[in-house]
Amino acid sequence: MDDDAQLVARAQGGDQQAFAELVRRYRDRVFRLAVSILGREFVPEAEDVTQEVFLKIHHSLQAFRGESQFSSWIYRITFNHAVNVKERARFQKPHVDETALGRIATSRPGPERQMEAAQRDKVLEECIETLPELYQSALRQYYWLGTGVAEIAELLGVPENTVKSYLHRARKLLHGMLNERGLSSD
């Protein structure tokens, strides 16, 4: 099996099979990175981001000089594109309203507890949205998508200890924000 550098060189030479292999290798990780930035309620948009990233890669592959790893290049393009998409007005608030959040089933019995859980989830998501993009992405990948620290480090292009620091700082900031709002973060 060819390594990324060989596949990139072949794809730059017009080999569509090589490009298809690059897409196969990276599509899941690109999608997970996009979801981690946009939020889990924006899965269809993350799929669009993934497709758009590969279109960008296909059109600009000739410009890739190999000064960095191909994976770093594609993850940076994904991160930047997902952040740009997120900044659009319709991504500022989730597609669902408060009444829909109240209908979400929880393991707790009774509508009052369900509403409390939904309100807490809403407050938590609002707090997460105020964190820096890198912290948001690290949290979502780690807790929502079950991605390990090593893979998050690769996706974000930072050392593993930096990811651990992002997670620690994000949890600490969330704890403070939840306490300010009268909610225990335990």
N, C-alpha and C. Protein backbone atom coordinates (compact mmCIF):
# COMPACT_ATOMS: atom_id res chain seq x y z
N MET A 1 0.85 -1.18 0.00
CA MET A 1 0.00 0.00 0.00
C MET A 1 0.89 1.24 0.00
N ASP A 2 0.57 2.17 -0.85
CA ASP A 2 1.35 3.40 -0.98
C ASP A 2 1.16 4.30 0.24
N ASP A 3 2.22 5.07 0.56
CA ASP A 3 2.04 6.06 1.60
C ASP A 3 1.43 7.32 0.99
N ASP A 4 1.06 8.25 1.85
CA ASP A 4 0.37 9.46 1.37
C ASP A 4 1.19 10.22 0.34
N ALA A 5 2.49 10.36 0.57
CA ALA A 5 3.32 11.14 -0.35
C ALA A 5 3.31 10.53 -1.75
N GLN A 6 3.36 9.21 -1.83
CA GLN A 6 3.32 8.55 -3.14
C GLN A 6 1.95 8.74 -3.79
N LEU A 7 0.89 8.61 -2.99
CA LEU A 7 -0.45 8.80 -3.54
C LEU A 7 -0.65 10.23 -4.04
N VAL A 8 -0.16 11.19 -3.27
CA VAL A 8 -0.29 12.59 -3.67
C VAL A 8 0.46 12.83 -4.98
N ALA A 9 1.67 12.30 -5.08
CA ALA A 9 2.45 12.48 -6.31
C ALA A 9 1.73 11.86 -7.50
N ARG A 10 1.18 10.67 -7.30
CA ARG A 10 0.43 10.03 -8.39
C ARG A 10 -0.82 10.83 -8.74
N ALA A 11 -1.53 11.32 -7.71
CA ALA A 11 -2.75 12.11 -7.96
C ALA A 11 -2.41 13.41 -8.67
N GLN A 12 -1.28 14.02 -8.30
CA GLN A 12 -0.85 15.24 -8.98
C GLN A 12 -0.54 14.97 -10.45
N GLY A 13 -0.17 13.74 -10.74
CA GLY A 13 0.11 13.35 -12.12
C GLY A 13 -1.14 12.93 -12.89
N GLY A 14 -2.30 13.04 -12.24
CA GLY A 14 -3.56 12.74 -12.92
C GLY A 14 -4.16 11.39 -12.62
N ASP A 15 -3.56 10.62 -11.73
CA ASP A 15 -4.06 9.29 -11.38
C ASP A 15 -5.28 9.43 -10.46
N GLN A 16 -6.46 9.21 -11.03
CA GLN A 16 -7.71 9.36 -10.26
C GLN A 16 -7.86 8.26 -9.21
N GLN A 17 -7.29 7.09 -9.45
CA GLN A 17 -7.34 6.01 -8.46
C GLN A 17 -6.57 6.41 -7.20
N ALA A 18 -5.45 7.09 -7.39
CA ALA A 18 -4.66 7.54 -6.25
C ALA A 18 -5.45 8.57 -5.44
N PHE A 19 -6.11 9.49 -6.15
CA PHE A 19 -6.92 10.48 -5.44
C PHE A 19 -8.07 9.80 -4.71
N ALA A 20 -8.70 8.82 -5.35
CA ALA A 20 -9.80 8.09 -4.71
C ALA A 20 -9.32 7.40 -3.43
N GLU A 21 -8.10 6.89 -3.44
CA GLU A 21 -7.55 6.25 -2.24
C GLU A 21 -7.32 7.28 -1.14
N LEU A 22 -6.86 8.47 -1.49
CA LEU A 22 -6.70 9.53 -0.49
C LEU A 22 -8.04 9.89 0.13
N VAL A 23 -9.07 9.99 -0.69
CA VAL A 23 -10.42 10.28 -0.19
C VAL A 23 -10.86 9.17 0.76
N ARG A 24 -10.67 7.93 0.35
CA ARG A 24 -11.06 6.80 1.19
C ARG A 24 -10.35 6.84 2.54
N ARG A 25 -9.06 7.16 2.53
CA ARG A 25 -8.28 7.19 3.77
C ARG A 25 -8.72 8.30 4.73
N TYR A 26 -9.14 9.43 4.18
CA TYR A 26 -9.35 10.60 5.02
C TYR A 26 -10.81 11.03 5.20
N ARG A 27 -11.75 10.48 4.47
CA ARG A 27 -13.12 10.99 4.52
C ARG A 27 -13.74 10.91 5.91
N ASP A 28 -13.53 9.80 6.63
CA ASP A 28 -14.13 9.67 7.96
C ASP A 28 -13.53 10.68 8.95
N ARG A 29 -12.22 10.83 8.90
CA ARG A 29 -11.58 11.78 9.82
C ARG A 29 -11.94 13.22 9.49
N VAL A 30 -12.04 13.54 8.21
CA VAL A 30 -12.45 14.89 7.80
C VAL A 30 -13.88 15.15 8.27
N PHE A 31 -14.75 14.17 8.10
CA PHE A 31 -16.14 14.32 8.56
C PHE A 31 -16.20 14.51 10.06
N ARG A 32 -15.48 13.69 10.82
CA ARG A 32 -15.51 13.81 12.29
C ARG A 32 -14.98 15.17 12.74
N LEU A 33 -13.95 15.66 12.08
CA LEU A 33 -13.44 16.99 12.43
C LEU A 33 -14.49 18.05 12.13
N ALA A 34 -15.15 17.95 11.00
CA ALA A 34 -16.20 18.93 10.65
C ALA A 34 -17.34 18.88 11.66
N VAL A 35 -17.79 17.69 12.04
CA VAL A 35 -18.87 17.56 13.04
C VAL A 35 -18.43 18.14 14.38
N SER A 36 -17.17 17.91 14.72
CA SER A 36 -16.70 18.41 16.01
C SER A 36 -16.70 19.93 16.07
N ILE A 37 -16.62 20.58 14.94
CA ILE A 37 -16.63 22.04 14.89
C ILE A 37 -18.05 22.58 14.75
N LEU A 38 -18.84 21.96 13.88
CA LEU A 38 -20.19 22.46 13.63
C LEU A 38 -21.17 22.07 14.73
N GLY A 39 -20.99 20.92 15.34
CA GLY A 39 -21.91 20.44 16.35
C GLY A 39 -22.71 19.26 15.83
N ARG A 40 -23.13 18.41 16.73
CA ARG A 40 -23.78 17.16 16.31
C ARG A 40 -25.13 17.37 15.67
N GLU A 41 -25.77 18.52 15.88
CA GLU A 41 -27.05 18.77 15.23
C GLU A 41 -26.89 19.21 13.77
N PHE A 42 -25.65 19.32 13.32
CA PHE A 42 -25.37 19.77 11.95
C PHE A 42 -24.66 18.69 11.12
N VAL A 43 -25.07 17.45 11.30
CA VAL A 43 -24.45 16.34 10.55
C VAL A 43 -24.58 16.53 9.04
N PRO A 44 -25.76 16.91 8.51
CA PRO A 44 -25.84 17.10 7.05
C PRO A 44 -24.88 18.18 6.55
N GLU A 45 -24.72 19.23 7.33
CA GLU A 45 -23.81 20.30 6.94
C GLU A 45 -22.35 19.81 7.01
N ALA A 46 -22.05 18.96 7.99
CA ALA A 46 -20.69 18.40 8.09
C ALA A 46 -20.40 17.50 6.89
N GLU A 47 -21.43 16.80 6.41
CA GLU A 47 -21.26 16.00 5.19
C GLU A 47 -20.96 16.91 4.01
N ASP A 48 -21.65 18.04 3.93
CA ASP A 48 -21.38 19.01 2.86
C ASP A 48 -19.96 19.55 2.96
N VAL A 49 -19.54 19.87 4.18
CA VAL A 49 -18.17 20.38 4.38
C VAL A 49 -17.16 19.34 3.90
N THR A 50 -17.41 18.08 4.24
CA THR A 50 -16.50 17.02 3.84
C THR A 50 -16.38 16.96 2.32
N GLN A 51 -17.52 17.00 1.65
CA GLN A 51 -17.50 16.96 0.19
C GLN A 51 -16.79 18.19 -0.38
N GLU A 52 -17.07 19.36 0.17
CA GLU A 52 -16.45 20.59 -0.32
C GLU A 52 -14.94 20.58 -0.09
N VAL A 53 -14.51 20.01 1.04
CA VAL A 53 -13.07 19.93 1.31
C VAL A 53 -12.39 19.08 0.25
N PHE A 54 -12.98 17.94 -0.09
CA PHE A 54 -12.34 17.09 -1.10
C PHE A 54 -12.38 17.71 -2.48
N LEU A 55 -13.40 18.51 -2.76
CA LEU A 55 -13.41 19.26 -4.02
C LEU A 55 -12.28 20.28 -4.03
N LYS A 56 -12.10 20.99 -2.91
CA LYS A 56 -11.00 21.95 -2.81
C LYS A 56 -9.65 21.26 -2.98
N ILE A 57 -9.50 20.11 -2.31
CA ILE A 57 -8.26 19.36 -2.39
C ILE A 57 -8.00 18.95 -3.84
N HIS A 58 -9.02 18.45 -4.50
CA HIS A 58 -8.87 18.01 -5.89
C HIS A 58 -8.44 19.17 -6.79
N HIS A 59 -9.04 20.34 -6.59
CA HIS A 59 -8.72 21.49 -7.43
C HIS A 59 -7.36 22.13 -7.09
N SER A 60 -6.92 21.97 -5.86
CA SER A 60 -5.67 22.64 -5.48
C SER A 60 -4.53 21.67 -5.19
N LEU A 61 -4.70 20.41 -5.53
CA LEU A 61 -3.67 19.41 -5.25
C LEU A 61 -2.34 19.74 -5.92
N GLN A 62 -2.42 20.36 -7.10
CA GLN A 62 -1.18 20.73 -7.80
C GLN A 62 -0.37 21.74 -6.99
N ALA A 63 -1.05 22.55 -6.18
CA ALA A 63 -0.37 23.57 -5.38
C ALA A 63 0.27 23.00 -4.12
N PHE A 64 -0.10 21.77 -3.74
CA PHE A 64 0.49 21.16 -2.55
C PHE A 64 1.95 20.83 -2.83
N ARG A 65 2.84 21.45 -2.04
CA ARG A 65 4.27 21.30 -2.28
C ARG A 65 4.93 20.25 -1.39
N GLY A 66 4.18 19.69 -0.47
CA GLY A 66 4.75 18.66 0.39
C GLY A 66 5.61 19.20 1.51
N GLU A 67 5.48 20.50 1.81
CA GLU A 67 6.27 21.08 2.90
C GLU A 67 5.74 20.64 4.26
N SER A 68 4.53 20.12 4.29
CA SER A 68 3.94 19.55 5.50
C SER A 68 3.37 18.19 5.12
N GLN A 69 2.93 17.45 6.11
CA GLN A 69 2.27 16.19 5.84
C GLN A 69 0.95 16.47 5.11
N PHE A 70 0.55 15.58 4.22
CA PHE A 70 -0.73 15.72 3.54
C PHE A 70 -1.86 15.77 4.56
N SER A 71 -1.77 14.94 5.60
CA SER A 71 -2.82 14.91 6.62
C SER A 71 -2.95 16.27 7.31
N SER A 72 -1.85 16.91 7.62
CA SER A 72 -1.90 18.23 8.26
C SER A 72 -2.57 19.24 7.34
N TRP A 73 -2.23 19.17 6.08
CA TRP A 73 -2.79 20.09 5.08
C TRP A 73 -4.31 19.91 4.98
N ILE A 74 -4.76 18.69 4.84
CA ILE A 74 -6.20 18.45 4.68
C ILE A 74 -6.97 18.78 5.96
N TYR A 75 -6.37 18.51 7.12
CA TYR A 75 -7.06 18.84 8.38
C TYR A 75 -7.15 20.34 8.57
N ARG A 76 -6.13 21.08 8.17
CA ARG A 76 -6.16 22.54 8.29
C ARG A 76 -7.23 23.11 7.36
N ILE A 77 -7.31 22.60 6.15
CA ILE A 77 -8.34 23.05 5.21
C ILE A 77 -9.72 22.75 5.79
N THR A 78 -9.89 21.56 6.34
CA THR A 78 -11.17 21.17 6.93
C THR A 78 -11.53 22.08 8.10
N PHE A 79 -10.58 22.28 8.99
CA PHE A 79 -10.83 23.12 10.17
C PHE A 79 -11.25 24.52 9.73
N ASN A 80 -10.50 25.12 8.83
CA ASN A 80 -10.81 26.48 8.39
C ASN A 80 -12.16 26.55 7.69
N HIS A 81 -12.44 25.58 6.84
CA HIS A 81 -13.71 25.60 6.10
C HIS A 81 -14.89 25.41 7.06
N ALA A 82 -14.77 24.49 8.01
CA ALA A 82 -15.85 24.25 8.97
C ALA A 82 -16.09 25.48 9.85
N VAL A 83 -15.02 26.14 10.27
CA VAL A 83 -15.18 27.37 11.06
C VAL A 83 -15.88 28.44 10.24
N ASN A 84 -15.52 28.58 8.96
CA ASN A 84 -16.18 29.56 8.10
C ASN A 84 -17.66 29.24 7.93
N VAL A 85 -17.99 27.97 7.75
CA VAL A 85 -19.39 27.57 7.61
C VAL A 85 -20.15 27.86 8.91
N LYS A 86 -19.51 27.59 10.01
CA LYS A 86 -20.15 27.80 11.31
C LYS A 86 -20.47 29.27 11.55
N GLU A 87 -19.67 30.16 11.01
CA GLU A 87 -19.88 31.58 11.22
C GLU A 87 -21.09 32.12 10.46
N ARG A 88 -21.58 31.35 9.50
CA ARG A 88 -22.77 31.79 8.78
C ARG A 88 -23.94 31.86 9.75
N ALA A 89 -24.86 32.76 9.49
CA ALA A 89 -25.95 33.07 10.41
C ALA A 89 -26.77 31.85 10.82
N ARG A 90 -27.09 30.96 9.91
CA ARG A 90 -27.98 29.86 10.27
C ARG A 90 -27.32 28.84 11.20
N PHE A 91 -26.02 28.93 11.38
CA PHE A 91 -25.34 28.01 12.28
C PHE A 91 -25.16 28.58 13.67
N GLN A 92 -25.66 29.77 13.89
CA GLN A 92 -25.52 30.37 15.20
C GLN A 92 -26.42 29.72 16.24
N LYS A 93 -27.53 29.17 15.82
CA LYS A 93 -28.47 28.50 16.72
C LYS A 93 -28.81 27.14 16.13
N PRO A 94 -29.05 26.15 16.98
CA PRO A 94 -29.43 24.83 16.47
C PRO A 94 -30.75 24.88 15.71
N HIS A 95 -30.99 23.85 14.88
CA HIS A 95 -32.21 23.75 14.10
C HIS A 95 -33.44 23.49 14.96
N VAL A 96 -33.25 22.98 16.16
CA VAL A 96 -34.39 22.63 17.00
C VAL A 96 -34.68 23.74 18.00
N ASP A 97 -35.93 23.88 18.38
CA ASP A 97 -36.27 24.89 19.36
C ASP A 97 -36.39 24.26 20.74
N GLU A 98 -36.70 25.07 21.73
CA GLU A 98 -36.75 24.62 23.11
C GLU A 98 -37.80 23.54 23.34
N THR A 99 -38.93 23.62 22.64
CA THR A 99 -39.97 22.60 22.84
C THR A 99 -39.49 21.25 22.32
N ALA A 100 -38.73 21.25 21.26
CA ALA A 100 -38.20 19.98 20.76
C ALA A 100 -37.19 19.40 21.74
N LEU A 101 -36.39 20.27 22.36
CA LEU A 101 -35.44 19.79 23.36
C LEU A 101 -36.17 19.15 24.53
N GLY A 102 -37.33 19.66 24.87
CA GLY A 102 -38.11 19.11 25.97
C GLY A 102 -38.65 17.73 25.67
N ARG A 103 -38.76 17.36 24.39
CA ARG A 103 -39.28 16.05 24.02
C ARG A 103 -38.19 14.99 23.92
N ILE A 104 -36.95 15.39 24.07
CA ILE A 104 -35.86 14.43 23.98
C ILE A 104 -35.98 13.45 25.14
N ALA A 105 -35.93 12.18 24.83
CA ALA A 105 -36.05 11.16 25.87
C ALA A 105 -34.77 11.10 26.69
N THR A 106 -34.95 10.98 27.97
CA THR A 106 -33.82 10.80 28.88
C THR A 106 -34.06 9.55 29.70
N SER A 107 -33.06 9.12 30.39
CA SER A 107 -33.21 7.94 31.22
C SER A 107 -33.95 8.27 32.51
N ARG A 108 -34.13 9.54 32.79
CA ARG A 108 -34.84 9.96 34.00
C ARG A 108 -36.34 9.93 33.76
N PRO A 109 -37.07 9.51 34.75
CA PRO A 109 -38.53 9.47 34.58
C PRO A 109 -39.16 10.85 34.75
N GLY A 110 -40.30 11.02 34.12
CA GLY A 110 -41.11 12.21 34.34
C GLY A 110 -40.74 13.38 33.47
N PRO A 111 -41.78 14.13 33.07
CA PRO A 111 -41.55 15.28 32.19
C PRO A 111 -40.76 16.41 32.85
N GLU A 112 -40.91 16.59 34.15
CA GLU A 112 -40.17 17.68 34.82
C GLU A 112 -38.67 17.42 34.74
N ARG A 113 -38.28 16.20 35.02
CA ARG A 113 -36.85 15.87 34.97
C ARG A 113 -36.33 15.92 33.53
N GLN A 114 -37.18 15.52 32.59
CA GLN A 114 -36.78 15.61 31.19
C GLN A 114 -36.54 17.06 30.79
N MET A 115 -37.43 17.93 31.23
CA MET A 115 -37.27 19.36 30.91
C MET A 115 -36.03 19.93 31.58
N GLU A 116 -35.78 19.53 32.83
CA GLU A 116 -34.57 19.99 33.52
C GLU A 116 -33.32 19.54 32.77
N ALA A 117 -33.31 18.29 32.34
CA ALA A 117 -32.16 17.76 31.60
C ALA A 117 -31.99 18.51 30.28
N ALA A 118 -33.09 18.77 29.61
CA ALA A 118 -33.03 19.48 28.33
C ALA A 118 -32.51 20.90 28.54
N GLN A 119 -32.98 21.56 29.60
CA GLN A 119 -32.51 22.92 29.90
C GLN A 119 -31.01 22.90 30.21
N ARG A 120 -30.59 21.91 31.00
CA ARG A 120 -29.17 21.80 31.34
C ARG A 120 -28.34 21.56 30.07
N ASP A 121 -28.82 20.68 29.20
CA ASP A 121 -28.12 20.41 27.94
C ASP A 121 -28.01 21.68 27.10
N LYS A 122 -29.10 22.45 27.09
CA LYS A 122 -29.10 23.69 26.32
C LYS A 122 -28.08 24.68 26.89
N VAL A 123 -28.06 24.82 28.20
CA VAL A 123 -27.10 25.72 28.85
C VAL A 123 -25.68 25.23 28.59
N LEU A 124 -25.46 23.93 28.70
CA LEU A 124 -24.14 23.37 28.45
C LEU A 124 -23.69 23.67 27.02
N GLU A 125 -24.59 23.48 26.05
CA GLU A 125 -24.24 23.75 24.65
C GLU A 125 -23.95 25.24 24.45
N GLU A 126 -24.73 26.10 25.11
CA GLU A 126 -24.47 27.54 25.01
C GLU A 126 -23.09 27.88 25.57
N CYS A 127 -22.74 27.25 26.68
CA CYS A 127 -21.42 27.48 27.28
C CYS A 127 -20.31 26.97 26.36
N ILE A 128 -20.51 25.78 25.79
CA ILE A 128 -19.51 25.23 24.88
C ILE A 128 -19.30 26.16 23.70
N GLU A 129 -20.39 26.74 23.20
CA GLU A 129 -20.30 27.63 22.04
C GLU A 129 -19.45 28.88 22.32
N THR A 130 -19.28 29.25 23.58
CA THR A 130 -18.48 30.43 23.91
C THR A 130 -16.99 30.12 24.02
N LEU A 131 -16.64 28.84 24.05
CA LEU A 131 -15.24 28.44 24.15
C LEU A 131 -14.52 28.70 22.82
N PRO A 132 -13.19 28.82 22.86
CA PRO A 132 -12.44 28.92 21.61
C PRO A 132 -12.70 27.69 20.73
N GLU A 133 -12.64 27.87 19.42
CA GLU A 133 -12.95 26.80 18.47
C GLU A 133 -12.13 25.53 18.74
N LEU A 134 -10.86 25.68 19.05
CA LEU A 134 -10.02 24.50 19.30
C LEU A 134 -10.51 23.72 20.51
N TYR A 135 -10.94 24.42 21.56
CA TYR A 135 -11.46 23.73 22.75
C TYR A 135 -12.77 23.02 22.41
N GLN A 136 -13.65 23.71 21.65
CA GLN A 136 -14.92 23.10 21.25
C GLN A 136 -14.66 21.82 20.46
N SER A 137 -13.77 21.92 19.49
CA SER A 137 -13.49 20.77 18.64
C SER A 137 -12.92 19.61 19.47
N ALA A 138 -11.99 19.90 20.34
CA ALA A 138 -11.39 18.85 21.17
C ALA A 138 -12.45 18.19 22.06
N LEU A 139 -13.30 18.99 22.71
CA LEU A 139 -14.36 18.45 23.56
C LEU A 139 -15.32 17.56 22.78
N ARG A 140 -15.79 18.06 21.66
CA ARG A 140 -16.77 17.30 20.87
C ARG A 140 -16.17 16.01 20.33
N GLN A 141 -14.93 16.08 19.86
CA GLN A 141 -14.31 14.86 19.36
C GLN A 141 -14.13 13.84 20.48
N TYR A 142 -13.69 14.31 21.64
CA TYR A 142 -13.39 13.40 22.74
C TYR A 142 -14.67 12.82 23.36
N TYR A 143 -15.64 13.67 23.67
CA TYR A 143 -16.82 13.21 24.39
C TYR A 143 -17.95 12.74 23.48
N TRP A 144 -18.21 13.40 22.38
CA TRP A 144 -19.32 13.02 21.52
C TRP A 144 -18.94 11.92 20.56
N LEU A 145 -17.75 12.03 19.98
CA LEU A 145 -17.36 11.10 18.94
C LEU A 145 -16.46 9.98 19.44
N GLY A 146 -16.03 10.07 20.70
CA GLY A 146 -15.20 9.02 21.28
C GLY A 146 -13.83 8.91 20.65
N THR A 147 -13.33 10.00 20.11
CA THR A 147 -12.02 10.02 19.47
C THR A 147 -10.94 10.09 20.55
N GLY A 148 -9.88 9.32 20.37
CA GLY A 148 -8.78 9.32 21.32
C GLY A 148 -7.92 10.56 21.21
N VAL A 149 -7.15 10.81 22.25
CA VAL A 149 -6.29 12.00 22.31
C VAL A 149 -5.29 12.01 21.15
N ALA A 150 -4.72 10.86 20.81
CA ALA A 150 -3.73 10.81 19.73
C ALA A 150 -4.34 11.21 18.40
N GLU A 151 -5.55 10.72 18.12
CA GLU A 151 -6.18 11.07 16.84
C GLU A 151 -6.61 12.53 16.83
N ILE A 152 -7.08 13.05 17.95
CA ILE A 152 -7.45 14.47 18.02
C ILE A 152 -6.20 15.31 17.75
N ALA A 153 -5.09 14.91 18.33
CA ALA A 153 -3.83 15.64 18.11
C ALA A 153 -3.48 15.67 16.63
N GLU A 154 -3.65 14.54 15.97
CA GLU A 154 -3.36 14.48 14.53
C GLU A 154 -4.31 15.37 13.75
N LEU A 155 -5.60 15.30 14.09
CA LEU A 155 -6.60 16.09 13.37
C LEU A 155 -6.39 17.59 13.54
N LEU A 156 -6.01 17.99 14.75
CA LEU A 156 -5.82 19.41 15.02
C LEU A 156 -4.40 19.89 14.73
N GLY A 157 -3.50 18.95 14.48
CA GLY A 157 -2.12 19.32 14.16
C GLY A 157 -1.34 19.85 15.34
N VAL A 158 -1.61 19.28 16.52
CA VAL A 158 -0.92 19.70 17.73
C VAL A 158 -0.43 18.46 18.48
N PRO A 159 0.52 18.63 19.41
CA PRO A 159 0.97 17.48 20.21
C PRO A 159 -0.14 16.96 21.13
N GLU A 160 -0.03 15.69 21.53
CA GLU A 160 -1.03 15.08 22.41
C GLU A 160 -1.18 15.84 23.72
N ASN A 161 -0.07 16.30 24.29
CA ASN A 161 -0.16 17.05 25.55
C ASN A 161 -0.94 18.35 25.38
N THR A 162 -0.87 18.93 24.21
CA THR A 162 -1.64 20.14 23.94
C THR A 162 -3.13 19.82 23.93
N VAL A 163 -3.50 18.69 23.34
CA VAL A 163 -4.91 18.27 23.36
C VAL A 163 -5.37 18.06 24.80
N LYS A 164 -4.54 17.42 25.60
CA LYS A 164 -4.89 17.21 27.01
C LYS A 164 -5.08 18.56 27.71
N SER A 165 -4.23 19.52 27.37
CA SER A 165 -4.38 20.86 27.95
C SER A 165 -5.67 21.52 27.49
N TYR A 166 -6.00 21.39 26.20
CA TYR A 166 -7.26 21.94 25.68
C TYR A 166 -8.44 21.36 26.45
N LEU A 167 -8.44 20.04 26.62
CA LEU A 167 -9.54 19.38 27.32
C LEU A 167 -9.62 19.85 28.77
N HIS A 168 -8.48 19.92 29.42
CA HIS A 168 -8.46 20.36 30.82
C HIS A 168 -8.96 21.80 30.95
N ARG A 169 -8.45 22.68 30.12
CA ARG A 169 -8.87 24.09 30.18
C ARG A 169 -10.35 24.24 29.83
N ALA A 170 -10.81 23.50 28.84
CA ALA A 170 -12.22 23.57 28.44
C ALA A 170 -13.11 23.12 29.59
N ARG A 171 -12.76 22.02 30.23
CA ARG A 171 -13.57 21.53 31.37
C ARG A 171 -13.57 22.55 32.51
N LYS A 172 -12.41 23.14 32.75
CA LYS A 172 -12.31 24.13 33.83
C LYS A 172 -13.17 25.36 33.51
N LEU A 173 -13.11 25.83 32.27
CA LEU A 173 -13.94 26.97 31.86
C LEU A 173 -15.42 26.63 31.95
N LEU A 174 -15.79 25.44 31.48
CA LEU A 174 -17.20 25.02 31.54
C LEU A 174 -17.67 24.91 32.98
N HIS A 175 -16.85 24.38 33.85
CA HIS A 175 -17.20 24.28 35.27
C HIS A 175 -17.52 25.66 35.83
N GLY A 176 -16.67 26.63 35.55
CA GLY A 176 -16.90 27.99 36.03
C GLY A 176 -18.17 28.61 35.44
N MET A 177 -18.39 28.42 34.14
CA MET A 177 -19.58 28.98 33.49
C MET A 177 -20.86 28.35 34.04
N LEU A 178 -20.84 27.05 34.25
CA LEU A 178 -22.03 26.37 34.78
C LEU A 178 -22.30 26.81 36.22
N ASN A 179 -21.25 26.99 36.99
CA ASN A 179 -21.42 27.48 38.37
C ASN A 179 -22.02 28.90 38.36
N GLU A 180 -21.55 29.75 37.43
CA GLU A 180 -22.08 31.11 37.33
C GLU A 180 -23.57 31.10 37.02
N ARG A 181 -24.02 30.10 36.28
CA ARG A 181 -25.43 29.99 35.91
C ARG A 181 -26.24 29.21 36.92
N GLY A 182 -25.60 28.85 38.03
CA GLY A 182 -26.32 28.16 39.09
C GLY A 182 -26.47 26.66 38.86
N LEU A 183 -25.69 26.12 37.97
CA LEU A 183 -25.74 24.68 37.71
C LEU A 183 -24.45 24.04 38.15
N SER A 184 -24.56 22.92 38.81
CA SER A 184 -23.37 22.17 39.20
C SER A 184 -22.88 21.43 37.98
N SER A 185 -21.58 21.39 37.75
CA SER A 185 -21.02 20.70 36.60
C SER A 185 -20.64 19.26 36.93
N ASP A 186 -20.99 18.78 38.09
CA ASP A 186 -20.66 17.40 38.47
C ASP A 186 -21.53 16.40 37.78
